[in-house]
PDB file of all heavy atoms in Angstrom:
ATOM      1  N   LYS A   1     -27.930  48.892  33.625  1.00  0.00           N
ATOM      2  CA  LYS A   1     -28.761  49.042  34.817  1.00  0.00           C
ATOM      3  C   LYS A   1     -30.231  48.986  34.426  1.00  0.00           C
ATOM      4  O   LYS A   1     -30.606  49.211  33.262  1.00  0.00           O
ATOM      5  CB  LYS A   1     -28.455  50.355  35.540  1.00  0.00           C
ATOM      6  CG  LYS A   1     -28.870  51.608  34.775  1.00  0.00           C
ATOM      7  CD  LYS A   1     -28.600  52.878  35.590  1.00  0.00           C
ATOM      8  CE  LYS A   1     -29.027  54.130  34.830  1.00  0.00           C
ATOM      9  NZ  LYS A   1     -28.761  55.369  35.614  1.00  0.00           N
ATOM     10  N   VAL A   2     -31.071  48.666  35.407  1.00  0.00           N
ATOM     11  CA  VAL A   2     -32.522  48.704  35.249  1.00  0.00           C
ATOM     12  C   VAL A   2     -33.042  49.756  36.212  1.00  0.00           C
ATOM     13  O   VAL A   2     -32.763  49.701  37.416  1.00  0.00           O
ATOM     14  CB  VAL A   2     -33.165  47.333  35.541  1.00  0.00           C
ATOM     15  CG1 VAL A   2     -34.670  47.417  35.374  1.00  0.00           C
ATOM     16  CG2 VAL A   2     -32.583  46.262  34.625  1.00  0.00           C
ATOM     17  N   LEU A   3     -33.779  50.779  35.694  1.00  0.00           N
ATOM     18  CA  LEU A   3     -34.204  51.905  36.513  1.00  0.00           C
ATOM     19  C   LEU A   3     -35.575  52.397  36.055  1.00  0.00           C
ATOM     20  O   LEU A   3     -35.769  52.694  34.875  1.00  0.00           O
ATOM     21  CB  LEU A   3     -33.177  53.047  36.417  1.00  0.00           C
ATOM     22  CG  LEU A   3     -33.493  54.333  37.182  1.00  0.00           C
ATOM     23  CD1 LEU A   3     -33.441  54.077  38.693  1.00  0.00           C
ATOM     24  CD2 LEU A   3     -32.506  55.441  36.800  1.00  0.00           C
ATOM     25  N   ASN A   4     -36.523  52.473  36.995  1.00  0.00           N
ATOM     26  CA  ASN A   4     -37.848  53.062  36.734  1.00  0.00           C
ATOM     27  C   ASN A   4     -38.532  52.472  35.509  1.00  0.00           C
ATOM     28  O   ASN A   4     -39.141  53.182  34.702  1.00  0.00           O
ATOM     29  CB  ASN A   4     -37.724  54.579  36.580  1.00  0.00           C
ATOM     30  CG  ASN A   4     -37.277  55.265  37.852  1.00  0.00           C
ATOM     31  OD1 ASN A   4     -37.613  54.845  38.960  1.00  0.00           O
ATOM     32  ND2 ASN A   4     -36.490  56.316  37.705  1.00  0.00           N
ATOM     33  N   GLY A   5     -38.417  51.148  35.356  1.00  0.00           N
ATOM     34  CA  GLY A   5     -39.114  50.483  34.260  1.00  0.00           C
ATOM     35  C   GLY A   5     -38.382  50.484  32.939  1.00  0.00           C
ATOM     36  O   GLY A   5     -38.932  50.044  31.925  1.00  0.00           O
ATOM     37  N   TYR A   6     -37.128  50.961  32.914  1.00  0.00           N
ATOM     38  CA  TYR A   6     -36.336  50.996  31.689  1.00  0.00           C
ATOM     39  C   TYR A   6     -34.976  50.332  31.907  1.00  0.00           C
ATOM     40  O   TYR A   6     -34.423  50.364  33.017  1.00  0.00           O
ATOM     41  CB  TYR A   6     -36.138  52.435  31.212  1.00  0.00           C
ATOM     42  CG  TYR A   6     -37.401  53.043  30.656  1.00  0.00           C
ATOM     43  CD1 TYR A   6     -38.321  53.648  31.506  1.00  0.00           C
ATOM     44  CD2 TYR A   6     -37.700  52.982  29.299  1.00  0.00           C
ATOM     45  CE1 TYR A   6     -39.505  54.187  31.008  1.00  0.00           C
ATOM     46  CE2 TYR A   6     -38.881  53.515  28.797  1.00  0.00           C
ATOM     47  CZ  TYR A   6     -39.780  54.116  29.659  1.00  0.00           C
ATOM     48  OH  TYR A   6     -40.949  54.644  29.171  1.00  0.00           O
ATOM     49  N   VAL A   7     -34.463  49.730  30.845  1.00  0.00           N
ATOM     50  CA  VAL A   7     -33.177  49.046  30.877  1.00  0.00           C
ATOM     51  C   VAL A   7     -32.168  49.902  30.121  1.00  0.00           C
ATOM     52  O   VAL A   7     -32.430  50.312  28.978  1.00  0.00           O
ATOM     53  CB  VAL A   7     -33.274  47.652  30.230  1.00  0.00           C
ATOM     54  CG1 VAL A   7     -31.954  46.914  30.349  1.00  0.00           C
ATOM     55  CG2 VAL A   7     -34.398  46.849  30.873  1.00  0.00           C
ATOM     56  N   TYR A   8     -31.014  50.181  30.736  1.00  0.00           N
ATOM     57  CA  TYR A   8     -30.005  51.070  30.166  1.00  0.00           C
ATOM     58  C   TYR A   8     -28.735  50.290  29.818  1.00  0.00           C
ATOM     59  O   TYR A   8     -28.151  49.627  30.682  1.00  0.00           O
ATOM     60  CB  TYR A   8     -29.649  52.182  31.158  1.00  0.00           C
ATOM     61  CG  TYR A   8     -30.767  53.160  31.414  1.00  0.00           C
ATOM     62  CD1 TYR A   8     -31.813  52.846  32.278  1.00  0.00           C
ATOM     63  CD2 TYR A   8     -30.795  54.406  30.783  1.00  0.00           C
ATOM     64  CE1 TYR A   8     -32.854  53.739  32.507  1.00  0.00           C
ATOM     65  CE2 TYR A   8     -31.827  55.300  31.016  1.00  0.00           C
ATOM     66  CZ  TYR A   8     -32.851  54.967  31.876  1.00  0.00           C
ATOM     67  OH  TYR A   8     -33.873  55.855  32.104  1.00  0.00           O
ATOM     68  N   PHE A   9     -28.333  50.381  28.562  1.00  0.00           N
ATOM     69  CA  PHE A   9     -27.060  49.828  28.110  1.00  0.00           C
ATOM     70  C   PHE A   9     -26.200  51.014  27.666  1.00  0.00           C
ATOM     71  O   PHE A   9     -26.633  51.819  26.827  1.00  0.00           O
ATOM     72  CB  PHE A   9     -27.249  48.894  26.913  1.00  0.00           C
ATOM     73  CG  PHE A   9     -28.212  47.759  27.142  1.00  0.00           C
ATOM     74  CD1 PHE A   9     -29.572  47.922  26.916  1.00  0.00           C
ATOM     75  CD2 PHE A   9     -27.765  46.515  27.562  1.00  0.00           C
ATOM     76  CE1 PHE A   9     -30.466  46.888  27.098  1.00  0.00           C
ATOM     77  CE2 PHE A   9     -28.653  45.468  27.753  1.00  0.00           C
ATOM     78  CZ  PHE A   9     -30.002  45.651  27.522  1.00  0.00           C
ATOM     79  N   ARG A  10     -24.976  51.109  28.180  1.00  0.00           N
ATOM     80  CA  ARG A  10     -24.136  52.254  27.835  1.00  0.00           C
ATOM     81  C   ARG A  10     -22.722  51.806  27.506  1.00  0.00           C
ATOM     82  O   ARG A  10     -22.159  50.936  28.174  1.00  0.00           O
ATOM     83  CB  ARG A  10     -24.105  53.270  28.980  1.00  0.00           C
ATOM     84  CG  ARG A  10     -25.397  54.060  29.067  1.00  0.00           C
ATOM     85  CD  ARG A  10     -25.436  55.041  30.210  1.00  0.00           C
ATOM     86  NE  ARG A  10     -26.660  55.857  30.105  1.00  0.00           N
ATOM     87  CZ  ARG A  10     -27.224  56.499  31.106  1.00  0.00           C
ATOM     88  NH1 ARG A  10     -26.706  56.435  32.313  1.00  0.00           N
ATOM     89  NH2 ARG A  10     -28.306  57.215  30.915  1.00  0.00           N
ATOM     90  N   ALA A  11     -22.156  52.426  26.462  1.00  0.00           N
ATOM     91  CA  ALA A  11     -20.759  52.188  26.081  1.00  0.00           C
ATOM     92  C   ALA A  11     -20.101  53.543  25.885  1.00  0.00           C
ATOM     93  O   ALA A  11     -20.698  54.463  25.327  1.00  0.00           O
ATOM     94  CB  ALA A  11     -20.682  51.358  24.799  1.00  0.00           C
ATOM     95  N   ALA A  12     -18.862  53.674  26.349  1.00  0.00           N
ATOM     96  CA  ALA A  12     -18.143  54.944  26.235  1.00  0.00           C
ATOM     97  C   ALA A  12     -16.660  54.674  26.044  1.00  0.00           C
ATOM     98  O   ALA A  12     -16.141  53.627  26.435  1.00  0.00           O
ATOM     99  CB  ALA A  12     -18.359  55.799  27.488  1.00  0.00           C
ATOM    100  N   GLY A  13     -15.980  55.637  25.427  1.00  0.00           N
ATOM    101  CA  GLY A  13     -14.528  55.555  25.287  1.00  0.00           C
ATOM    102  C   GLY A  13     -14.049  54.786  24.075  1.00  0.00           C
ATOM    103  O   GLY A  13     -12.849  54.583  23.908  1.00  0.00           O
ATOM    104  N   PHE A  14     -14.963  54.371  23.181  1.00  0.00           N
ATOM    105  CA  PHE A  14     -14.527  53.667  21.978  1.00  0.00           C
ATOM    106  C   PHE A  14     -14.150  54.687  20.907  1.00  0.00           C
ATOM    107  O   PHE A  14     -14.389  55.882  21.037  1.00  0.00           O
ATOM    108  CB  PHE A  14     -15.620  52.723  21.476  1.00  0.00           C
ATOM    109  CG  PHE A  14     -16.953  53.365  21.207  1.00  0.00           C
ATOM    110  CD1 PHE A  14     -17.251  53.918  19.965  1.00  0.00           C
ATOM    111  CD2 PHE A  14     -17.933  53.419  22.190  1.00  0.00           C
ATOM    112  CE1 PHE A  14     -18.477  54.517  19.717  1.00  0.00           C
ATOM    113  CE2 PHE A  14     -19.165  54.012  21.952  1.00  0.00           C
ATOM    114  CZ  PHE A  14     -19.430  54.566  20.719  1.00  0.00           C
ATOM    115  N   HIS A  15     -13.533  54.184  19.829  1.00  0.00           N
ATOM    116  CA  HIS A  15     -13.052  55.065  18.769  1.00  0.00           C
ATOM    117  C   HIS A  15     -13.844  54.854  17.482  1.00  0.00           C
ATOM    118  O   HIS A  15     -14.510  53.844  17.290  1.00  0.00           O
ATOM    119  CB  HIS A  15     -11.557  54.841  18.523  1.00  0.00           C
ATOM    120  CG  HIS A  15     -10.713  55.087  19.734  1.00  0.00           C
ATOM    121  ND1 HIS A  15     -10.685  56.299  20.385  1.00  0.00           N
ATOM    122  CD2 HIS A  15      -9.890  54.273  20.441  1.00  0.00           C
ATOM    123  CE1 HIS A  15      -9.869  56.226  21.419  1.00  0.00           C
ATOM    124  NE2 HIS A  15      -9.386  55.012  21.491  1.00  0.00           N
ATOM    125  N   PHE A  16     -13.739  55.800  16.570  1.00  0.00           N
ATOM    126  CA  PHE A  16     -14.433  55.757  15.299  1.00  0.00           C
ATOM    127  C   PHE A  16     -13.397  55.432  14.215  1.00  0.00           C
ATOM    128  O   PHE A  16     -12.196  55.345  14.513  1.00  0.00           O
ATOM    129  CB  PHE A  16     -15.108  57.119  15.056  1.00  0.00           C
ATOM    130  CG  PHE A  16     -16.236  57.400  16.038  1.00  0.00           C
ATOM    131  CD1 PHE A  16     -16.034  58.201  17.162  1.00  0.00           C
ATOM    132  CD2 PHE A  16     -17.488  56.860  15.852  1.00  0.00           C
ATOM    133  CE1 PHE A  16     -17.059  58.462  18.065  1.00  0.00           C
ATOM    134  CE2 PHE A  16     -18.530  57.108  16.751  1.00  0.00           C
ATOM    135  CZ  PHE A  16     -18.314  57.911  17.843  1.00  0.00           C
ATOM    136  N   SER A  17     -13.783  55.003  12.870  1.00  0.00           N
ATOM    137  CA  SER A  17     -14.824  55.790  12.267  1.00  0.00           C
ATOM    138  C   SER A  17     -16.193  55.135  12.136  1.00  0.00           C
ATOM    139  O   SER A  17     -17.196  55.787  12.402  1.00  0.00           O
ATOM    140  CB  SER A  17     -14.379  56.244  10.876  1.00  0.00           C
ATOM    141  OG  SER A  17     -14.169  55.129  10.042  1.00  0.00           O
ATOM    142  N   VAL A  18     -16.337  53.854  11.715  1.00  0.00           N
ATOM    143  CA  VAL A  18     -17.674  53.286  11.521  1.00  0.00           C
ATOM    144  C   VAL A  18     -17.831  52.006  12.350  1.00  0.00           C
ATOM    145  O   VAL A  18     -17.975  50.914  11.809  1.00  0.00           O
ATOM    146  CB  VAL A  18     -17.966  52.990  10.034  1.00  0.00           C
ATOM    147  CG1 VAL A  18     -19.464  52.756   9.824  1.00  0.00           C
ATOM    148  CG2 VAL A  18     -17.518  54.126   9.144  1.00  0.00           C
ATOM    149  N   PRO A  19     -17.819  52.101  13.668  1.00  0.00           N
ATOM    150  CA  PRO A  19     -18.011  50.896  14.471  1.00  0.00           C
ATOM    151  C   PRO A  19     -19.475  50.501  14.560  1.00  0.00           C
ATOM    152  O   PRO A  19     -20.376  51.308  14.335  1.00  0.00           O
ATOM    153  CB  PRO A  19     -17.469  51.307  15.842  1.00  0.00           C
ATOM    154  CG  PRO A  19     -17.717  52.774  15.909  1.00  0.00           C
ATOM    155  CD  PRO A  19     -17.545  53.282  14.500  1.00  0.00           C
ATOM    156  N   LYS A  20     -19.685  49.247  14.906  1.00  0.00           N
ATOM    157  CA  LYS A  20     -21.034  48.731  15.143  1.00  0.00           C
ATOM    158  C   LYS A  20     -21.151  48.382  16.622  1.00  0.00           C
ATOM    159  O   LYS A  20     -20.267  47.724  17.181  1.00  0.00           O
ATOM    160  CB  LYS A  20     -21.296  47.496  14.279  1.00  0.00           C
ATOM    161  CG  LYS A  20     -22.684  46.881  14.468  1.00  0.00           C
ATOM    162  CD  LYS A  20     -22.878  45.686  13.549  1.00  0.00           C
ATOM    163  CE  LYS A  20     -23.003  46.121  12.107  1.00  0.00           C
ATOM    164  NZ  LYS A  20     -23.334  44.981  11.210  1.00  0.00           N
ATOM    165  N   ILE A  21     -22.212  48.858  17.267  1.00  0.00           N
ATOM    166  CA  ILE A  21     -22.452  48.561  18.676  1.00  0.00           C
ATOM    167  C   ILE A  21     -23.369  47.334  18.735  1.00  0.00           C
ATOM    168  O   ILE A  21     -24.428  47.320  18.121  1.00  0.00           O
ATOM    169  CB  ILE A  21     -23.118  49.735  19.405  1.00  0.00           C
ATOM    170  CG1 ILE A  21     -22.448  51.067  19.050  1.00  0.00           C
ATOM    171  CG2 ILE A  21     -23.121  49.494  20.910  1.00  0.00           C
ATOM    172  CD1 ILE A  21     -21.030  51.194  19.497  1.00  0.00           C
ATOM    173  N   LYS A  22     -22.962  46.319  19.496  1.00  0.00           N
ATOM    174  CA  LYS A  22     -23.742  45.082  19.587  1.00  0.00           C
ATOM    175  C   LYS A  22     -24.093  44.828  21.045  1.00  0.00           C
ATOM    176  O   LYS A  22     -23.222  44.849  21.924  1.00  0.00           O
ATOM    177  CB  LYS A  22     -22.932  43.916  19.023  1.00  0.00           C
ATOM    178  CG  LYS A  22     -23.696  42.607  18.904  1.00  0.00           C
ATOM    179  CD  LYS A  22     -22.830  41.547  18.223  1.00  0.00           C
ATOM    180  CE  LYS A  22     -23.557  40.220  18.104  1.00  0.00           C
ATOM    181  NZ  LYS A  22     -22.709  39.192  17.452  1.00  0.00           N
ATOM    182  N   VAL A  23     -25.380  44.589  21.317  1.00  0.00           N
ATOM    183  CA  VAL A  23     -25.872  44.422  22.688  1.00  0.00           C
ATOM    184  C   VAL A  23     -26.610  43.094  22.805  1.00  0.00           C
ATOM    185  O   VAL A  23     -27.473  42.767  21.991  1.00  0.00           O
ATOM    186  CB  VAL A  23     -26.828  45.576  23.069  1.00  0.00           C
ATOM    187  CG1 VAL A  23     -27.456  45.319  24.428  1.00  0.00           C
ATOM    188  CG2 VAL A  23     -26.089  46.905  23.067  1.00  0.00           C
ATOM    189  N   SER A  24     -26.259  42.314  23.836  1.00  0.00           N
ATOM    190  CA  SER A  24     -26.983  41.083  24.143  1.00  0.00           C
ATOM    191  C   SER A  24     -26.992  40.906  25.656  1.00  0.00           C
ATOM    192  O   SER A  24     -26.337  41.661  26.385  1.00  0.00           O
ATOM    193  CB  SER A  24     -26.332  39.870  23.460  1.00  0.00           C
ATOM    194  OG  SER A  24     -24.979  39.745  23.856  1.00  0.00           O
ATOM    195  N   VAL A  25     -27.754  39.917  26.140  1.00  0.00           N
ATOM    196  CA  VAL A  25     -27.809  39.649  27.575  1.00  0.00           C
ATOM    197  C   VAL A  25     -27.583  38.170  27.835  1.00  0.00           C
ATOM    198  O   VAL A  25     -27.866  37.318  26.979  1.00  0.00           O
ATOM    199  CB  VAL A  25     -29.161  40.082  28.188  1.00  0.00           C
ATOM    200  CG1 VAL A  25     -29.381  41.566  28.037  1.00  0.00           C
ATOM    201  CG2 VAL A  25     -30.310  39.311  27.570  1.00  0.00           C
ATOM    202  N   VAL A  26     -27.028  37.869  29.001  1.00  0.00           N
ATOM    203  CA  VAL A  26     -26.823  36.486  29.427  1.00  0.00           C
ATOM    204  C   VAL A  26     -27.320  36.352  30.842  1.00  0.00           C
ATOM    205  O   VAL A  26     -27.364  37.334  31.605  1.00  0.00           O
ATOM    206  CB  VAL A  26     -25.330  36.079  29.342  1.00  0.00           C
ATOM    207  CG1 VAL A  26     -24.853  36.083  27.905  1.00  0.00           C
ATOM    208  CG2 VAL A  26     -24.459  37.007  30.191  1.00  0.00           C
TER     209      VAL A  26
END
């Protein structure tokens, strides 16, 4: 989402132990 001049990327419910979070836009 885009809110009050900031862009929010959120991920939840994934598992560990050493994952990498990757964010891009299209």
